[in-house]
Every structure is written in structure tokens, then in C-alpha cells.
């Protein structure tokens, strides 16, 4: 029980650090913006608004996987990380998983 709680605390701590870690996000953001403007994918803001209204929890971050054109949104729900994958072309949810 203590080990499971410790893992949850560690996962939350790592997620909270993600925004502070420098990355090549500028390039990804630019590529996403270009794809949205070209009409190839839906905007992240639209996807986030829809998913956040359906997932009970705190939004903690997103990744964009260009090869599969997938947004991966992360939420913290009851101490667990919930990952929601959304098809960026259609805005439809592909799957939802929990990280323990």
C-alpha cells in the first residue's frame, strides 16, 4: 500500500516538473500550428476543451505525436495519471489509460 502511494506521489511530482523542462516545444508548436492552418488537424484548444469537459480531474500536460497525428493529454484524477489519446485529424478520442 505504501509503495503504491509512493509511486503516485512520484508520478505527480514528475508531471508537475514537465512544464519546467526545456524542450524543442517551439518546433512542435510551430508544426502543429501549420497543420491546423492547412486544415489537416483540429486545434489543440478545441480538443482540450472537449476532453477536459469529459475527464474529471486536473489537466497537467500534452504531447503531440506527429507520425500518428495524435494528441496525448494527461490529467491527474484521484491521485492517478489518466492519459487520453485523441486523433488530431478528427478530434475523436482513440483511447484512455491510467498510469499507476
PDB file of N, CA and C in Angstrom:
ATOM      1  N   UNK A   1       0.830  -1.191   0.000  1.00  0.00           N
ATOM      2  CA  UNK A   1       0.000   0.000   0.000  1.00  0.00           C
ATOM      3  C   UNK A   1       0.870   1.248   0.000  1.00  0.00           C
ATOM      4  N   UNK A   2       1.918   1.237   0.832  1.00  0.00           N
ATOM      5  CA  UNK A   2       2.810   2.396   0.899  1.00  0.00           C
ATOM      6  C   UNK A   2       3.542   2.562  -0.423  1.00  0.00           C
ATOM      7  N   UNK A   3       3.970   1.451  -1.032  1.00  0.00           N
ATOM      8  CA  UNK A   3       4.693   1.521  -2.306  1.00  0.00           C
ATOM      9  C   UNK A   3       3.809   2.118  -3.397  1.00  0.00           C
ATOM     10  N   UNK A   4       2.534   1.728  -3.442  1.00  0.00           N
ATOM     11  CA  UNK A   4       1.617   2.263  -4.445  1.00  0.00           C
ATOM     12  C   UNK A   4       1.429   3.758  -4.238  1.00  0.00           C
ATOM     13  N   UNK A   5       1.284   4.181  -2.986  1.00  0.00           N
ATOM     14  CA  UNK A   5       1.134   5.604  -2.678  1.00  0.00           C
ATOM     15  C   UNK A   5       2.397   6.361  -3.070  1.00  0.00           C
ATOM     16  N   UNK A   6       3.556   5.782  -2.791  1.00  0.00           N
ATOM     17  CA  UNK A   6       4.825   6.426  -3.138  1.00  0.00           C
ATOM     18  C   UNK A   6       4.957   6.600  -4.642  1.00  0.00           C
ATOM     19  N   UNK A   7       4.517   5.612  -5.405  1.00  0.00           N
ATOM     20  CA  UNK A   7       4.572   5.714  -6.860  1.00  0.00           C
ATOM     21  C   UNK A   7       3.663   6.822  -7.370  1.00  0.00           C
ATOM     22  N   UNK A   8       2.489   6.962  -6.757  1.00  0.00           N
ATOM     23  CA  UNK A   8       1.576   8.033  -7.157  1.00  0.00           C
ATOM     24  C   UNK A   8       2.189   9.398  -6.872  1.00  0.00           C
ATOM     25  N   UNK A   9       2.802   9.545  -5.704  1.00  0.00           N
ATOM     26  CA  UNK A   9       3.440  10.811  -5.346  1.00  0.00           C
ATOM     27  C   UNK A   9       4.584  11.107  -6.305  1.00  0.00           C
ATOM     28  N   UNK A  10       5.379  10.103  -6.634  1.00  0.00           N
ATOM     29  CA  UNK A  10       6.481  10.281  -7.573  1.00  0.00           C
ATOM     30  C   UNK A  10       5.958  10.678  -8.951  1.00  0.00           C
ATOM     31  N   UNK A  11       4.914  10.004  -9.424  1.00  0.00           N
ATOM     32  CA  UNK A  11       4.347  10.319 -10.740  1.00  0.00           C
ATOM     33  C   UNK A  11       3.837  11.751 -10.774  1.00  0.00           C
ATOM     34  N   UNK A  12       3.137  12.169  -9.737  1.00  0.00           N
ATOM     35  CA  UNK A  12       2.631  13.540  -9.673  1.00  0.00           C
ATOM     36  C   UNK A  12       3.781  14.532  -9.662  1.00  0.00           C
ATOM     37  N   UNK A  13       4.808  14.254  -8.885  1.00  0.00           N
ATOM     38  CA  UNK A  13       5.963  15.153  -8.812  1.00  0.00           C
ATOM     39  C   UNK A  13       6.620  15.310 -10.175  1.00  0.00           C
ATOM     40  N   UNK A  14       6.784  14.207 -10.882  1.00  0.00           N
ATOM     41  CA  UNK A  14       7.408  14.265 -12.204  1.00  0.00           C
ATOM     42  C   UNK A  14       6.539  15.020 -13.200  1.00  0.00           C
ATOM     43  N   UNK A  15       5.229  14.816 -13.130  1.00  0.00           N
ATOM     44  CA  UNK A  15       4.336  15.535 -14.034  1.00  0.00           C
ATOM     45  C   UNK A  15       4.369  17.035 -13.784  1.00  0.00           C
ATOM     46  N   UNK A  16       4.461  17.416 -12.530  1.00  0.00           N
ATOM     47  CA  UNK A  16       4.496  18.839 -12.218  1.00  0.00           C
ATOM     48  C   UNK A  16       5.785  19.490 -12.699  1.00  0.00           C
ATOM     49  N   UNK A  17       6.837  18.714 -12.856  1.00  0.00           N
ATOM     50  CA  UNK A  17       8.105  19.244 -13.349  1.00  0.00           C
ATOM     51  C   UNK A  17       8.140  19.379 -14.863  1.00  0.00           C
ATOM     52  N   UNK A  18       7.288  18.662 -15.577  1.00  0.00           N
ATOM     53  CA  UNK A  18       7.345  18.657 -17.037  1.00  0.00           C
ATOM     54  C   UNK A  18       7.334  20.041 -17.674  1.00  0.00           C
ATOM     55  N   UNK A  19       6.446  20.954 -17.276  1.00  0.00           N
ATOM     56  CA  UNK A  19       6.444  22.256 -17.939  1.00  0.00           C
ATOM     57  C   UNK A  19       7.747  23.028 -17.752  1.00  0.00           C
ATOM     58  N   UNK A  20       8.507  22.731 -16.709  1.00  0.00           N
ATOM     59  CA  UNK A  20       9.736  23.463 -16.436  1.00  0.00           C
ATOM     60  C   UNK A  20      10.928  22.921 -17.212  1.00  0.00           C
ATOM     61  N   UNK A  21      10.777  21.748 -17.821  1.00  0.00           N
ATOM     62  CA  UNK A  21      11.887  21.139 -18.548  1.00  0.00           C
ATOM     63  C   UNK A  21      11.969  21.750 -19.943  1.00  0.00           C
ATOM     64  N   UNK A  22      13.119  22.331 -20.298  1.00  0.00           N
ATOM     65  CA  UNK A  22      13.233  22.895 -21.636  1.00  0.00           C
ATOM     66  C   UNK A  22      13.189  21.790 -22.685  1.00  0.00           C
ATOM     67  N   UNK A  23      12.595  22.091 -23.829  1.00  0.00           N
ATOM     68  CA  UNK A  23      12.494  21.096 -24.893  1.00  0.00           C
ATOM     69  C   UNK A  23      12.436  21.798 -26.235  1.00  0.00           C
ATOM     70  N   UNK A  24      12.234  21.015 -27.251  1.00  0.00           N
ATOM     71  CA  UNK A  24      12.097  21.564 -28.593  1.00  0.00           C
ATOM     72  C   UNK A  24      10.632  21.871 -28.876  1.00  0.00           C
ATOM     73  N   UNK A  25       9.895  22.281 -27.847  1.00  0.00           N
ATOM     74  CA  UNK A  25       8.462  22.522 -27.976  1.00  0.00           C
ATOM     75  C   UNK A  25       8.151  23.581 -29.017  1.00  0.00           C
ATOM     76  N   UNK A  26       9.012  24.566 -29.163  1.00  0.00           N
ATOM     77  CA  UNK A  26       8.762  25.608 -30.154  1.00  0.00           C
ATOM     78  C   UNK A  26       8.587  25.033 -31.543  1.00  0.00           C
ATOM     79  N   UNK A  27       9.415  24.059 -31.911  1.00  0.00           N
ATOM     80  CA  UNK A  27       9.300  23.420 -33.219  1.00  0.00           C
ATOM     81  C   UNK A  27       8.023  22.626 -33.358  1.00  0.00           C
ATOM     82  N   UNK A  28       7.652  21.916 -32.294  1.00  0.00           N
ATOM     83  CA  UNK A  28       6.422  21.123 -32.311  1.00  0.00           C
ATOM     84  C   UNK A  28       5.217  22.045 -32.398  1.00  0.00           C
ATOM     85  N   UNK A  29       5.212  23.103 -31.594  1.00  0.00           N
ATOM     86  CA  UNK A  29       4.089  24.043 -31.615  1.00  0.00           C
ATOM     87  C   UNK A  29       3.935  24.667 -32.997  1.00  0.00           C
ATOM     88  N   UNK A  30       5.033  25.009 -33.610  1.00  0.00           N
ATOM     89  CA  UNK A  30       5.003  25.604 -34.950  1.00  0.00           C
ATOM     90  C   UNK A  30       4.439  24.600 -35.962  1.00  0.00           C
ATOM     91  N   UNK A  31       4.868  23.338 -35.860  1.00  0.00           N
ATOM     92  CA  UNK A  31       4.383  22.303 -36.775  1.00  0.00           C
ATOM     93  C   UNK A  31       2.889  22.063 -36.587  1.00  0.00           C
ATOM     94  N   UNK A  32       2.436  22.016 -35.338  1.00  0.00           N
ATOM     95  CA  UNK A  32       1.003  21.841 -35.059  1.00  0.00           C
ATOM     96  C   UNK A  32       0.225  23.014 -35.640  1.00  0.00           C
ATOM     97  N   UNK A  33       0.702  24.220 -35.421  1.00  0.00           N
ATOM     98  CA  UNK A  33       0.026  25.411 -35.947  1.00  0.00           C
ATOM     99  C   UNK A  33      -0.078  25.333 -37.479  1.00  0.00           C
ATOM    100  N   UNK A  34       1.007  24.917 -38.133  1.00  0.00           N
ATOM    101  CA  UNK A  34       0.995  24.785 -39.595  1.00  0.00           C
ATOM    102  C   UNK A  34      -0.029  23.747 -40.054  1.00  0.00           C
ATOM    103  N   UNK A  35      -0.094  22.619 -39.347  1.00  0.00           N
ATOM    104  CA  UNK A  35      -1.054  21.568 -39.702  1.00  0.00           C
ATOM    105  C   UNK A  35      -2.493  22.034 -39.499  1.00  0.00           C
ATOM    106  N   UNK A  36      -2.743  22.797 -38.430  1.00  0.00           N
ATOM    107  CA  UNK A  36      -4.085  23.334 -38.175  1.00  0.00           C
ATOM    108  C   UNK A  36      -4.455  24.314 -39.283  1.00  0.00           C
ATOM    109  N   UNK A  37      -3.540  25.223 -39.612  1.00  0.00           N
ATOM    110  CA  UNK A  37      -3.814  26.217 -40.656  1.00  0.00           C
ATOM    111  C   UNK A  37      -4.043  25.565 -42.011  1.00  0.00           C
ATOM    112  N   UNK A  38      -3.395  24.432 -42.261  1.00  0.00           N
ATOM    113  CA  UNK A  38      -3.573  23.708 -43.521  1.00  0.00           C
ATOM    114  C   UNK A  38      -4.857  22.871 -43.522  1.00  0.00           C
ATOM    115  N   UNK A  39      -5.541  22.816 -42.374  1.00  0.00           N
ATOM    116  CA  UNK A  39      -6.775  22.050 -42.278  1.00  0.00           C
ATOM    117  C   UNK A  39      -6.564  20.551 -42.142  1.00  0.00           C
ATOM    118  N   UNK A  40      -5.334  20.148 -41.822  1.00  0.00           N
ATOM    119  CA  UNK A  40      -5.044  18.718 -41.704  1.00  0.00           C
ATOM    120  C   UNK A  40      -5.405  18.150 -40.335  1.00  0.00           C
ATOM    121  N   UNK A  41      -5.383  18.991 -39.298  1.00  0.00           N
ATOM    122  CA  UNK A  41      -5.742  18.548 -37.947  1.00  0.00           C
ATOM    123  C   UNK A  41      -6.602  19.613 -37.280  1.00  0.00           C
ATOM    124  N   UNK A  42      -7.302  19.208 -36.214  1.00  0.00           N
ATOM    125  CA  UNK A  42      -8.095  20.163 -35.437  1.00  0.00           C
ATOM    126  C   UNK A  42      -7.191  20.809 -34.394  1.00  0.00           C
ATOM    127  N   UNK A  43      -7.580  21.966 -33.927  1.00  0.00           N
ATOM    128  CA  UNK A  43      -6.736  22.701 -32.982  1.00  0.00           C
ATOM    129  C   UNK A  43      -6.694  22.011 -31.620  1.00  0.00           C
ATOM    130  N   UNK A  44      -5.559  22.168 -30.959  1.00  0.00           N
ATOM    131  CA  UNK A  44      -5.404  21.602 -29.628  1.00  0.00           C
ATOM    132  C   UNK A  44      -6.403  22.223 -28.664  1.00  0.00           C
ATOM    133  N   UNK A  45      -6.641  23.532 -28.774  1.00  0.00           N
ATOM    134  CA  UNK A  45      -7.574  24.195 -27.862  1.00  0.00           C
ATOM    135  C   UNK A  45      -8.958  23.555 -27.925  1.00  0.00           C
ATOM    136  N   UNK A  46      -9.409  23.216 -29.130  1.00  0.00           N
ATOM    137  CA  UNK A  46     -10.711  22.579 -29.279  1.00  0.00           C
ATOM    138  C   UNK A  46     -10.709  21.186 -28.640  1.00  0.00           C
ATOM    139  N   UNK A  47      -9.642  20.435 -28.889  1.00  0.00           N
ATOM    140  CA  UNK A  47      -9.530  19.084 -28.326  1.00  0.00           C
ATOM    141  C   UNK A  47      -9.477  19.149 -26.805  1.00  0.00           C
ATOM    142  N   UNK A  48      -8.652  20.048 -26.269  1.00  0.00           N
ATOM    143  CA  UNK A  48      -8.513  20.160 -24.813  1.00  0.00           C
ATOM    144  C   UNK A  48      -9.844  20.519 -24.165  1.00  0.00           C
ATOM    145  N   UNK A  49     -10.568  21.474 -24.748  1.00  0.00           N
ATOM    146  CA  UNK A  49     -11.855  21.882 -24.173  1.00  0.00           C
ATOM    147  C   UNK A  49     -12.824  20.705 -24.128  1.00  0.00           C
ATOM    148  N   UNK A  50     -12.873  19.934 -25.203  1.00  0.00           N
ATOM    149  CA  UNK A  50     -13.806  18.800 -25.260  1.00  0.00           C
ATOM    150  C   UNK A  50     -13.422  17.722 -24.245  1.00  0.00           C
ATOM    151  N   UNK A  51     -12.146  17.347 -24.230  1.00  0.00           N
ATOM    152  CA  UNK A  51     -11.707  16.267 -23.344  1.00  0.00           C
ATOM    153  C   UNK A  51     -11.791  16.696 -21.878  1.00  0.00           C
ATOM    154  N   UNK A  52     -11.387  17.928 -21.583  1.00  0.00           N
ATOM    155  CA  UNK A  52     -11.424  18.406 -20.193  1.00  0.00           C
ATOM    156  C   UNK A  52     -12.847  18.418 -19.644  1.00  0.00           C
ATOM    157  N   UNK A  53     -13.834  18.617 -20.511  1.00  0.00           N
ATOM    158  CA  UNK A  53     -15.222  18.601 -20.043  1.00  0.00           C
ATOM    159  C   UNK A  53     -15.702  17.180 -19.756  1.00  0.00           C
ATOM    160  N   UNK A  54     -14.979  16.183 -20.269  1.00  0.00           N
ATOM    161  CA  UNK A  54     -15.377  14.788 -20.093  1.00  0.00           C
ATOM    162  C   UNK A  54     -14.571  14.051 -19.028  1.00  0.00           C
ATOM    163  N   UNK A  55     -13.367  14.542 -18.735  1.00  0.00           N
ATOM    164  CA  UNK A  55     -12.491  13.867 -17.778  1.00  0.00           C
ATOM    165  C   UNK A  55     -12.492  14.653 -16.471  1.00  0.00           C
ATOM    166  N   UNK A  56     -12.877  13.982 -15.407  1.00  0.00           N
ATOM    167  CA  UNK A  56     -12.892  14.615 -14.095  1.00  0.00           C
ATOM    168  C   UNK A  56     -11.463  14.598 -13.560  1.00  0.00           C
ATOM    169  N   UNK A  57     -10.871  15.756 -13.404  1.00  0.00           N
ATOM    170  CA  UNK A  57      -9.502  15.811 -12.907  1.00  0.00           C
ATOM    171  C   UNK A  57      -8.815  17.093 -13.321  1.00  0.00           C
ATOM    172  N   UNK A  58      -7.528  17.164 -13.016  1.00  0.00           N
ATOM    173  CA  UNK A  58      -6.722  18.345 -13.301  1.00  0.00           C
ATOM    174  C   UNK A  58      -5.851  18.093 -14.523  1.00  0.00           C
ATOM    175  N   UNK A  59      -5.957  18.974 -15.505  1.00  0.00           N
ATOM    176  CA  UNK A  59      -5.137  18.868 -16.710  1.00  0.00           C
ATOM    177  C   UNK A  59      -3.694  19.160 -16.333  1.00  0.00           C
ATOM    178  N   UNK A  60      -2.756  18.297 -16.780  1.00  0.00           N
ATOM    179  CA  UNK A  60      -1.345  18.511 -16.436  1.00  0.00           C
ATOM    180  C   UNK A  60      -0.425  18.625 -17.643  1.00  0.00           C
ATOM    181  N   UNK A  61      -0.871  18.266 -18.837  1.00  0.00           N
ATOM    182  CA  UNK A  61       0.023  18.432 -19.977  1.00  0.00           C
ATOM    183  C   UNK A  61      -0.430  17.694 -21.218  1.00  0.00           C
ATOM    184  N   UNK A  62       0.322  17.938 -22.298  1.00  0.00           N
ATOM    185  CA  UNK A  62       0.003  17.324 -23.584  1.00  0.00           C
ATOM    186  C   UNK A  62       1.287  17.009 -24.338  1.00  0.00           C
ATOM    187  N   UNK A  63       1.206  16.003 -25.176  1.00  0.00           N
ATOM    188  CA  UNK A  63       2.258  15.685 -26.140  1.00  0.00           C
ATOM    189  C   UNK A  63       1.576  15.564 -27.493  1.00  0.00           C
ATOM    190  N   UNK A  64       2.314  15.883 -28.547  1.00  0.00           N
ATOM    191  CA  UNK A  64       1.801  15.681 -29.898  1.00  0.00           C
ATOM    192  C   UNK A  64       2.712  14.689 -30.595  1.00  0.00           C
ATOM    193  N   UNK A  65       2.128  13.596 -31.089  1.00  0.00           N
ATOM    194  CA  UNK A  65       2.894  12.590 -31.816  1.00  0.00           C
ATOM    195  C   UNK A  65       2.631  12.798 -33.303  1.00  0.00           C
ATOM    196  N   UNK A  66       3.607  13.401 -33.979  1.00  0.00           N
ATOM    197  CA  UNK A  66       3.401  13.742 -35.388  1.00  0.00           C
ATOM    198  C   UNK A  66       3.235  12.538 -36.300  1.00  0.00           C
ATOM    199  N   UNK A  67       4.023  11.458 -36.140  1.00  0.00           N
ATOM    200  CA  UNK A  67       3.841  10.324 -37.064  1.00  0.00           C
ATOM    201  C   UNK A  67       2.421   9.755 -37.071  1.00  0.00           C
ATOM    202  N   UNK A  68       1.760   9.763 -35.920  1.00  0.00           N
ATOM    203  CA  UNK A  68       0.398   9.220 -35.853  1.00  0.00           C
ATOM    204  C   UNK A  68      -0.664  10.312 -35.792  1.00  0.00           C
ATOM    205  N   UNK A  69      -0.235  11.578 -35.792  1.00  0.00           N
ATOM    206  CA  UNK A  69      -1.142  12.723 -35.652  1.00  0.00           C
ATOM    207  C   UNK A  69      -2.087  12.509 -34.468  1.00  0.00           C
ATOM    208  N   UNK A  70      -1.471  12.336 -33.308  1.00  0.00           N
ATOM    209  CA  UNK A  70      -2.213  12.059 -32.079  1.00  0.00           C
ATOM    210  C   UNK A  70      -1.833  13.048 -30.988  1.00  0.00           C
ATOM    211  N   UNK A  71      -2.860  13.626 -30.345  1.00  0.00           N
ATOM    212  CA  UNK A  71      -2.640  14.412 -29.132  1.00  0.00           C
ATOM    213  C   UNK A  71      -2.726  13.440 -27.959  1.00  0.00           C
ATOM    214  N   UNK A  72      -1.801  13.548 -27.005  1.00  0.00           N
ATOM    215  CA  UNK A  72      -1.870  12.760 -25.773  1.00  0.00           C
ATOM    216  C   UNK A  72      -1.993  13.733 -24.612  1.00  0.00           C
ATOM    217  N   UNK A  73      -3.178  13.805 -24.039  1.00  0.00           N
ATOM    218  CA  UNK A  73      -3.439  14.700 -22.920  1.00  0.00           C
ATOM    219  C   UNK A  73      -3.316  13.927 -21.623  1.00  0.00           C
ATOM    220  N   UNK A  74      -2.797  14.586 -20.589  1.00  0.00           N
ATOM    221  CA  UNK A  74      -2.646  13.947 -19.279  1.00  0.00           C
ATOM    222  C   UNK A  74      -3.446  14.731 -18.241  1.00  0.00           C
ATOM    223  N   UNK A  75      -4.123  13.964 -17.400  1.00  0.00           N
ATOM    224  CA  UNK A  75      -4.906  14.523 -16.306  1.00  0.00           C
ATOM    225  C   UNK A  75      -4.542  13.779 -15.029  1.00  0.00           C
ATOM    226  N   UNK A  76      -4.669  14.452 -13.906  1.00  0.00           N
ATOM    227  CA  UNK A  76      -4.500  13.812 -12.611  1.00  0.00           C
ATOM    228  C   UNK A  76      -5.895  13.620 -12.031  1.00  0.00           C
ATOM    229  N   UNK A  77      -6.270  12.352 -11.822  1.00  0.00           N
ATOM    230  CA  UNK A  77      -7.598  12.005 -11.321  1.00  0.00           C
ATOM    231  C   UNK A  77      -7.431  11.095 -10.113  1.00  0.00           C
ATOM    232  N   UNK A  78      -7.863  11.553  -8.962  1.00  0.00           N
ATOM    233  CA  UNK A  78      -7.789  10.752  -7.736  1.00  0.00           C
ATOM    234  C   UNK A  78      -6.391  10.190  -7.501  1.00  0.00           C
ATOM    235  N   UNK A  79      -5.377  10.995  -7.739  1.00  0.00           N
ATOM    236  CA  UNK A  79      -4.001  10.588  -7.488  1.00  0.00           C
ATOM    237  C   UNK A  79      -3.381   9.716  -8.562  1.00  0.00           C
ATOM    238  N   UNK A  80      -4.106   9.461  -9.628  1.00  0.00           N
ATOM    239  CA  UNK A  80      -3.582   8.653 -10.729  1.00  0.00           C
ATOM    240  C   UNK A  80      -3.530   9.494 -11.997  1.00  0.00           C
ATOM    241  N   UNK A  81      -2.569   9.183 -12.855  1.00  0.00           N
ATOM    242  CA  UNK A  81      -2.440   9.888 -14.122  1.00  0.00           C
ATOM    243  C   UNK A  81      -3.325   9.197 -15.155  1.00  0.00           C
ATOM    244  N   UNK A  82      -4.183   9.977 -15.790  1.00  0.00           N
ATOM    245  CA  UNK A  82      -5.050   9.467 -16.847  1.00  0.00           C
ATOM    246  C   UNK A  82      -4.553  10.045 -18.167  1.00  0.00           C
ATOM    247  N   UNK A  83      -4.241   9.166 -19.112  1.00  0.00           N
ATOM    248  CA  UNK A  83      -3.769   9.561 -20.438  1.00  0.00           C
ATOM    249  C   UNK A  83      -4.909   9.392 -21.429  1.00  0.00           C
ATOM    250  N   UNK A  84      -5.196  10.441 -22.181  1.00  0.00           N
ATOM    251  CA  UNK A  84      -6.249  10.381 -23.189  1.00  0.00           C
ATOM    252  C   UNK A  84      -5.616  10.656 -24.547  1.00  0.00           C
ATOM    253  N   UNK A  85      -5.758   9.713 -25.465  1.00  0.00           N
ATOM    254  CA  UNK A  85      -5.239   9.885 -26.818  1.00  0.00           C
ATOM    255  C   UNK A  85      -6.378  10.302 -27.736  1.00  0.00           C
ATOM    256  N   UNK A  86      -6.105  11.338 -28.537  1.00  0.00           N
ATOM    257  CA  UNK A  86      -7.113  11.887 -29.435  1.00  0.00           C
ATOM    258  C   UNK A  86      -6.536  11.960 -30.846  1.00  0.00           C
ATOM    259  N   UNK A  87      -7.298  11.491 -31.821  1.00  0.00           N
ATOM    260  CA  UNK A  87      -6.899  11.589 -33.226  1.00  0.00           C
ATOM    261  C   UNK A  87      -6.948  13.066 -33.613  1.00  0.00           C
ATOM    262  N   UNK A  88      -5.807  13.641 -33.945  1.00  0.00           N
ATOM    263  CA  UNK A  88      -5.736  15.073 -34.251  1.00  0.00           C
ATOM    264  C   UNK A  88      -6.441  15.409 -35.565  1.00  0.00           C
ATOM    265  N   UNK A  89      -6.627  14.434 -36.447  1.00  0.00           N
ATOM    266  CA  UNK A  89      -7.316  14.696 -37.719  1.00  0.00           C
ATOM    267  C   UNK A  89      -8.807  14.888 -37.514  1.00  0.00           C
ATOM    268  N   UNK A  90      -9.385  14.098 -36.604  1.00  0.00           N
ATOM    269  CA  UNK A  90     -10.839  14.103 -36.430  1.00  0.00           C
ATOM    270  C   UNK A  90     -11.292  14.707 -35.105  1.00  0.00           C
ATOM    271  N   UNK A  91     -10.398  14.747 -34.123  1.00  0.00           N
ATOM    272  CA  UNK A  91     -10.772  15.209 -32.791  1.00  0.00           C
ATOM    273  C   UNK A  91     -11.436  14.131 -31.951  1.00  0.00           C
ATOM    274  N   UNK A  92     -11.501  12.908 -32.468  1.00  0.00           N
ATOM    275  CA  UNK A  92     -12.153  11.810 -31.750  1.00  0.00           C
ATOM    276  C   UNK A  92     -11.180  11.118 -30.804  1.00  0.00           C
ATOM    277  N   UNK A  93     -11.703  10.749 -29.630  1.00  0.00           N
ATOM    278  CA  UNK A  93     -10.884  10.010 -28.663  1.00  0.00           C
ATOM    279  C   UNK A  93     -10.572   8.623 -29.199  1.00  0.00           C
ATOM    280  N   UNK A  94      -9.297   8.242 -29.071  1.00  0.00           N
ATOM    281  CA  UNK A  94      -8.872   6.915 -29.516  1.00  0.00           C
ATOM    282  C   UNK A  94      -8.858   5.936 -28.355  1.00  0.00           C
ATOM    283  N   UNK A  95      -8.292   6.381 -27.227  1.00  0.00           N
ATOM    284  CA  UNK A  95      -8.270   5.515 -26.044  1.00  0.00           C
ATOM    285  C   UNK A  95      -7.908   6.330 -24.813  1.00  0.00           C
ATOM    286  N   UNK A  96      -8.177   5.708 -23.669  1.00  0.00           N
ATOM    287  CA  UNK A  96      -7.871   6.317 -22.371  1.00  0.00           C
ATOM    288  C   UNK A  96      -7.246   5.245 -21.494  1.00  0.00           C
ATOM    289  N   UNK A  97      -6.122   5.589 -20.866  1.00  0.00           N
ATOM    290  CA  UNK A  97      -5.445   4.638 -19.984  1.00  0.00           C
ATOM    291  C   UNK A  97      -5.091   5.325 -18.681  1.00  0.00           C
ATOM    292  N   UNK A  98      -4.861   4.516 -17.657  1.00  0.00           N
ATOM    293  CA  UNK A  98      -4.418   5.026 -16.357  1.00  0.00           C
ATOM    294  C   UNK A  98      -2.998   4.574 -16.108  1.00  0.00           C
ATOM    295  N   UNK A  99      -2.193   5.476 -15.567  1.00  0.00           N
ATOM    296  CA  UNK A  99      -0.830   5.138 -15.147  1.00  0.00           C
ATOM    297  C   UNK A  99      -0.841   5.031 -13.638  1.00  0.00           C
ATOM    298  N   UNK A 100      -0.322   3.965 -13.105  1.00  0.00           N
ATOM    299  CA  UNK A 100      -0.336   3.750 -11.659  1.00  0.00           C
ATOM    300  C   UNK A 100       0.975   4.091 -11.040  1.00  0.00           C
TER     301      UNK A 100
END
